[in-house]
Protein backbone atom coordinates (compact mmCIF):
# COMPACT_ATOMS: atom_id res chain seq x y z
CA UNK A 1 132.78 150.67 223.18
CA UNK A 2 129.62 152.12 221.69
CA UNK A 3 126.35 150.93 223.03
CA UNK A 4 123.25 150.59 220.88
CA UNK A 5 119.98 151.71 222.45
CA UNK A 6 117.32 149.12 222.25
CA UNK A 7 113.71 150.22 221.38
CA UNK A 8 111.33 150.77 218.53
CA UNK A 9 113.26 151.00 215.28
CA UNK A 10 112.92 154.19 213.27
CA UNK A 11 110.76 153.87 210.09
CA UNK A 12 112.78 153.01 207.13
CA UNK A 13 112.96 155.20 204.02
CA UNK A 14 110.69 152.78 202.13
CA UNK A 15 107.94 152.82 204.82
CA UNK A 16 107.95 156.66 204.79
CA UNK A 17 107.54 156.69 201.00
CA UNK A 18 104.58 154.34 201.13
CA UNK A 19 102.77 156.59 203.61
CA UNK A 20 103.23 159.56 201.25
CA UNK A 21 102.04 157.53 198.36
CA UNK A 22 98.78 156.53 200.16
CA UNK A 23 98.05 160.18 200.90
CA UNK A 24 98.58 161.10 197.26
CA UNK A 25 96.25 158.32 196.14
CA UNK A 26 93.52 159.53 198.51
CA UNK A 27 93.93 163.11 197.34
CA UNK A 28 93.83 162.08 193.67
CA UNK A 29 90.63 160.15 194.26
CA UNK A 30 89.04 163.14 195.98
CA UNK A 31 89.99 165.47 193.17
CA UNK A 32 88.57 162.97 190.59
CA UNK A 33 85.27 162.70 192.43
CA UNK A 34 84.93 166.47 192.66
CA UNK A 35 85.81 166.87 188.92
CA UNK A 36 83.18 164.35 187.89
CA UNK A 37 80.60 165.99 190.06
CA UNK A 38 81.29 169.35 188.48
CA UNK A 39 81.20 167.90 184.92
CA UNK A 40 77.80 166.26 185.62
CA UNK A 41 76.42 169.46 187.07
CA UNK A 42 77.53 171.52 184.06
CA UNK A 43 76.10 168.98 181.63
CA UNK A 44 72.72 169.09 183.48
CA UNK A 45 72.75 172.91 183.42
CA UNK A 46 73.42 173.04 179.70
CA UNK A 47 70.70 170.48 179.03
CA UNK A 48 68.16 172.45 180.98
CA UNK A 49 69.16 175.71 179.21
CA UNK A 50 68.91 174.08 175.82
CA UNK A 51 65.46 172.65 176.52
CA UNK A 52 64.04 175.90 177.96
CA UNK A 53 65.42 178.32 175.35
CA UNK A 54 63.00 179.50 172.50
CA UNK A 55 63.13 177.33 169.44
CA UNK A 56 62.86 180.20 167.02
CA UNK A 57 63.91 183.81 167.38
CA UNK A 58 62.23 186.25 165.00
CA UNK A 59 64.29 186.65 161.83
CA UNK A 60 66.54 183.69 162.53
CA UNK A 61 67.34 181.20 159.84
CA UNK A 62 66.16 177.88 161.19
CA UNK A 63 68.55 174.94 161.44
CA UNK A 64 67.87 171.72 159.47
CA UNK A 65 66.37 170.03 162.54
CA UNK A 66 63.58 172.54 163.11
CA UNK A 67 60.10 172.00 161.81
CA UNK A 68 57.87 174.36 159.81
CA UNK A 69 55.76 177.00 161.44
CA UNK A 70 51.94 176.87 161.47
CA UNK A 71 51.80 179.46 158.65
CA UNK A 72 54.16 177.34 156.44
CA UNK A 73 52.19 174.26 157.19
CA UNK A 74 48.96 175.97 156.20
CA UNK A 75 50.49 177.36 153.04
CA UNK A 76 52.06 174.15 151.95
CA UNK A 77 48.90 172.26 152.71
CA UNK A 78 47.37 173.64 149.40
CA UNK A 79 50.18 172.40 147.30
CA UNK A 80 50.80 169.12 145.48
CA UNK A 81 54.21 168.71 147.05
CA UNK A 82 53.83 169.81 150.70
CA UNK A 83 57.01 168.22 151.99
CA UNK A 84 59.13 169.92 149.36
CA UNK A 85 57.32 173.13 150.00
CA UNK A 86 57.82 173.09 153.76
CA UNK A 87 61.49 172.25 153.32
CA UNK A 88 61.93 175.18 150.86
CA UNK A 89 60.12 177.83 152.96
CA UNK A 90 61.66 176.68 156.23
CA UNK A 91 65.15 177.12 154.83
CA UNK A 92 64.57 180.74 153.90
CA UNK A 93 65.58 183.62 156.16
CA UNK A 94 62.97 184.78 158.67
CA UNK A 95 60.19 182.15 158.29
CA UNK A 96 59.37 182.21 162.07
CA UNK A 97 57.91 185.76 161.80
CA UNK A 98 56.32 185.24 158.35
CA UNK A 99 52.55 185.45 158.07
CA UNK A 100 50.50 183.56 155.52
CA UNK A 101 50.56 186.52 153.01
CA UNK A 102 54.33 186.93 153.53
CA UNK A 103 54.93 183.44 152.27
CA UNK A 104 53.60 184.27 148.79
CA UNK A 105 56.49 186.57 147.75
CA UNK A 106 58.89 184.28 149.63
CA UNK A 107 57.80 181.27 147.65
CA UNK A 108 57.84 183.10 144.34
CA UNK A 109 61.31 184.60 144.91
CA UNK A 110 62.71 181.22 146.06
CA UNK A 111 61.39 179.56 142.93
CA UNK A 112 62.71 182.41 140.71
CA UNK A 113 66.18 182.05 142.15
CA UNK A 114 66.12 178.29 141.50
CA UNK A 115 65.07 178.84 137.91
CA UNK A 116 67.73 181.54 137.44
CA UNK A 117 70.44 179.19 138.80
CA UNK A 118 69.26 176.40 136.56
CA UNK A 119 69.25 178.71 133.52
CA UNK A 120 72.76 179.99 134.39
CA UNK A 121 74.16 176.48 134.77
CA UNK A 122 72.44 175.22 131.60
CA UNK A 123 73.64 178.23 129.59
CA UNK A 124 77.23 177.60 130.67
CA UNK A 125 76.85 173.94 129.80
CA UNK A 126 75.58 174.76 126.28
CA UNK A 127 78.44 177.14 125.61
CA UNK A 128 81.05 174.60 126.42
CA UNK A 129 79.36 171.56 124.94
CA UNK A 130 79.90 170.18 121.43
CA UNK A 131 76.33 168.97 121.42
CA UNK A 132 74.72 172.27 122.40
CA UNK A 133 71.74 171.63 120.16
CA UNK A 134 70.52 169.09 122.73
CA UNK A 135 69.50 171.85 125.12
CA UNK A 136 68.98 174.85 122.82
CA UNK A 137 65.22 174.56 122.64
CA UNK A 138 64.87 173.88 126.35
CA UNK A 139 67.11 176.91 127.16
CA UNK A 140 64.90 179.30 125.22
CA UNK A 141 61.85 178.12 127.10
CA UNK A 142 63.64 178.19 130.44
CA UNK A 143 64.67 181.78 129.73
CA UNK A 144 60.99 182.66 129.33
CA UNK A 145 60.12 180.87 132.57
CA UNK A 146 62.71 183.06 134.33
CA UNK A 147 61.27 186.24 132.81
CA UNK A 148 57.72 185.30 133.79
CA UNK A 149 58.77 184.62 137.36
CA UNK A 150 60.57 187.92 137.54
CA UNK A 151 57.46 189.68 136.37
CA UNK A 152 55.38 187.81 139.03
CA UNK A 153 57.83 188.71 141.76
CA UNK A 154 57.78 192.38 140.85
CA UNK A 155 53.98 192.47 140.56
CA UNK A 156 53.44 190.88 143.96
CA UNK A 157 56.00 193.21 145.55
CA UNK A 158 54.28 196.26 144.05
CA UNK A 159 50.80 195.46 145.33
CA UNK A 160 48.80 198.74 145.73
CA UNK A 161 47.44 199.93 149.03
CA UNK A 162 43.88 199.25 150.12
CA UNK A 163 41.31 201.38 148.34
CA UNK A 164 38.54 200.93 145.76
CA UNK A 165 40.79 201.69 142.77
CA UNK A 166 43.62 199.77 144.32
CA UNK A 167 41.40 196.72 144.75
CA UNK A 168 40.53 196.81 141.02
CA UNK A 169 44.21 197.22 140.14
CA UNK A 170 45.07 194.31 142.45
CA UNK A 171 42.50 192.09 140.79
CA UNK A 172 44.07 192.89 137.37
CA UNK A 173 47.48 192.12 138.83
CA UNK A 174 46.22 188.83 140.13
CA UNK A 175 45.02 187.90 136.64
CA UNK A 176 48.42 188.81 135.26
CA UNK A 177 50.35 186.81 137.91
CA UNK A 178 48.13 183.77 137.55
CA UNK A 179 48.62 183.90 133.76
CA UNK A 180 52.36 184.25 134.07
CA UNK A 181 52.74 181.45 136.62
CA UNK A 182 50.49 179.09 134.61
CA UNK A 183 52.48 179.90 131.50
CA UNK A 184 55.79 179.35 133.28
CA UNK A 185 54.67 175.89 134.37
CA UNK A 186 53.57 175.09 130.82
CA UNK A 187 56.86 176.33 129.38
CA UNK A 188 58.81 174.29 131.94
CA UNK A 189 56.90 171.11 131.01
CA UNK A 190 57.55 171.73 127.35
CA UNK A 191 61.25 172.26 128.04
CA UNK A 192 61.49 169.08 130.12
CA UNK A 193 59.48 166.96 127.67
CA UNK A 194 61.51 168.10 124.67
CA UNK A 195 64.71 167.32 126.51
CA UNK A 196 63.46 163.87 127.39
CA UNK A 197 62.73 163.21 123.71
CA UNK A 198 66.24 164.03 122.65
CA UNK A 199 67.95 160.86 121.30
CA UNK A 200 71.50 160.44 122.64
CA UNK A 201 72.12 156.67 122.54
CA UNK A 202 75.03 156.80 120.01
CA UNK A 203 76.78 159.97 121.18
CA UNK A 204 78.56 160.15 124.49
CA UNK A 205 78.70 163.93 124.58
CA UNK A 206 74.97 164.16 123.83
CA UNK A 207 74.22 161.72 126.62
CA UNK A 208 76.36 163.79 129.02
CA UNK A 209 74.68 167.03 128.08
CA UNK A 210 71.15 165.63 128.28
CA UNK A 211 71.86 164.00 131.75
CA UNK A 212 73.33 167.19 133.07
CA UNK A 213 70.47 169.35 131.76
CA UNK A 214 67.95 167.02 133.44
CA UNK A 215 69.90 167.33 136.65
CA UNK A 216 69.63 171.11 136.50
CA UNK A 217 65.87 170.86 136.00
CA UNK A 218 65.39 168.54 138.99
CA UNK A 219 62.36 169.63 141.12
CA UNK A 220 61.87 172.87 139.21
CA UNK A 221 58.42 171.76 138.04
CA UNK A 222 57.44 170.88 141.59
CA UNK A 223 58.61 174.24 142.90
CA UNK A 224 56.73 176.08 140.13
CA UNK A 225 53.59 174.06 140.91
CA UNK A 226 53.88 174.86 144.66
CA UNK A 227 54.35 178.55 144.04
CA UNK A 228 51.33 178.63 141.72
CA UNK A 229 49.14 176.91 144.27
CA UNK A 230 50.31 179.14 147.14
CA UNK A 231 49.61 182.26 145.10
CA UNK A 232 46.20 181.03 144.08
CA UNK A 233 45.27 180.25 147.73
CA UNK A 234 46.95 183.16 149.58
CA UNK A 235 47.96 185.82 147.14
CA UNK A 236 44.84 186.67 145.14
CA UNK A 237 42.18 189.23 146.00
CA UNK A 238 39.20 187.37 144.57
CA UNK A 239 37.01 185.87 147.34
CA UNK A 240 37.89 182.30 147.91
CA UNK A 241 41.43 182.81 146.61
CA UNK A 242 40.67 182.05 143.02
CA UNK A 243 40.12 183.97 139.85
CA UNK A 244 37.02 183.69 137.74
CA UNK A 245 37.60 181.40 134.73
CA UNK A 246 35.99 184.01 132.46
CA UNK A 247 38.83 186.37 133.06
CA UNK A 248 41.78 183.92 132.94
CA UNK A 249 43.96 184.72 129.99
CA UNK A 250 45.15 181.47 128.42
CA UNK A 251 48.38 180.66 126.62
CA UNK A 252 47.45 177.81 124.41
CA UNK A 253 48.42 176.63 120.92
CA UNK A 254 45.79 177.39 118.24
CA UNK A 255 46.07 173.89 116.86
CA UNK A 256 46.08 170.86 119.16
CA UNK A 257 48.32 169.00 116.66
CA UNK A 258 50.89 171.74 116.62
CA UNK A 259 53.95 170.50 118.47
CA UNK A 260 56.46 172.63 116.59
CA UNK A 261 59.08 174.72 118.39
CA UNK A 262 58.66 177.36 119.54
CA UNK A 263 55.03 176.99 120.58
CA UNK A 264 52.68 179.23 118.58
CA UNK A 265 51.86 181.33 121.67
CA UNK A 266 55.47 182.35 122.16
CA UNK A 267 56.98 185.29 120.27
CA UNK A 268 60.67 184.89 119.61
CA UNK A 269 62.80 187.78 120.91
CA UNK A 270 60.08 189.55 122.85
CA UNK A 271 59.74 187.06 125.66
CA UNK A 272 56.01 187.91 125.56
CA UNK A 273 53.17 185.45 125.01
CA UNK A 274 51.13 185.94 121.91
CA UNK A 275 47.52 187.02 122.25
CA UNK A 276 45.38 184.51 123.98
CA UNK A 277 43.28 181.94 122.11
CA UNK A 278 39.80 180.82 122.89
CA UNK A 279 39.70 177.37 124.37
CA UNK A 280 37.47 174.83 126.07
CA UNK A 281 40.09 173.73 128.55
CA UNK A 282 42.19 176.14 130.65
CA UNK A 283 45.63 175.91 132.01
CA UNK A 284 45.28 174.54 135.49
CA UNK A 285 45.57 177.09 138.36
CA UNK A 286 46.03 174.43 140.93
CA UNK A 287 49.66 173.65 140.04
CA UNK A 288 48.85 170.37 138.43
CA UNK A 289 50.10 171.34 135.00
CA UNK A 290 47.30 169.81 132.94
CA UNK A 291 47.80 169.49 129.20
CA UNK A 292 45.29 171.69 127.34
CA UNK A 293 43.79 171.62 123.88
CA UNK A 294 41.95 174.20 121.75
CA UNK A 295 39.03 173.98 119.43
């Protein structure tokens, strides 16, 4: 007969499994703690790196969250729309390394591209619209604005080197650019005003074309005003940044009651202003786009 040895019973299968499970739980907790510690350390390291790295590298295009440089702040401080000015210049390539004088061609070229885009969109709209007459007058003036800005950009880019003769040539160039920019602002205002006066209450297509044209013109006047003010303050060679009023060439109508289109100072087909007229009041060179009258 078999005898059963009395003593401590061997651990059952369930007890053995429970012991293994406790070990696994402790190991899992340890791994989790180590993982969290590593994640926190990595996050802290990345934060320190992001805080200490330079905000602007020369030539970089700044992101939307970065503020304007000191040069941009100074340049835009002379404009009527400084917030719009700072936003425009900060979004351009390479503003971090730009000096005050560098911002003059940057501003002019940015405004020229905006006008060119508006002209392209408006031209396409007029071609496909049944009511193209709504924007025909404005398009002709906007085309002249684009031409005047192109002249200004080329003139500023071709500034002569420092010398006595070059200084005189630069002064003449300043006169030209101031004239072109002042005229461009006047042409834009005429374009915008004539478009506003277009009646379109009874025609759905005319309302659509008018609204779309006004959308294309949004902020163009403000950008033109800012570019004019920046050039006057930073781009001219006359002491004090301005140009003597005696030498400003004015683009004014010969008759203050003449509101016909095109204006009398504009020569159709040539994109060139007519000879200047004598006047008591001059086109503003501060970017304020003041209406002018002649004797």
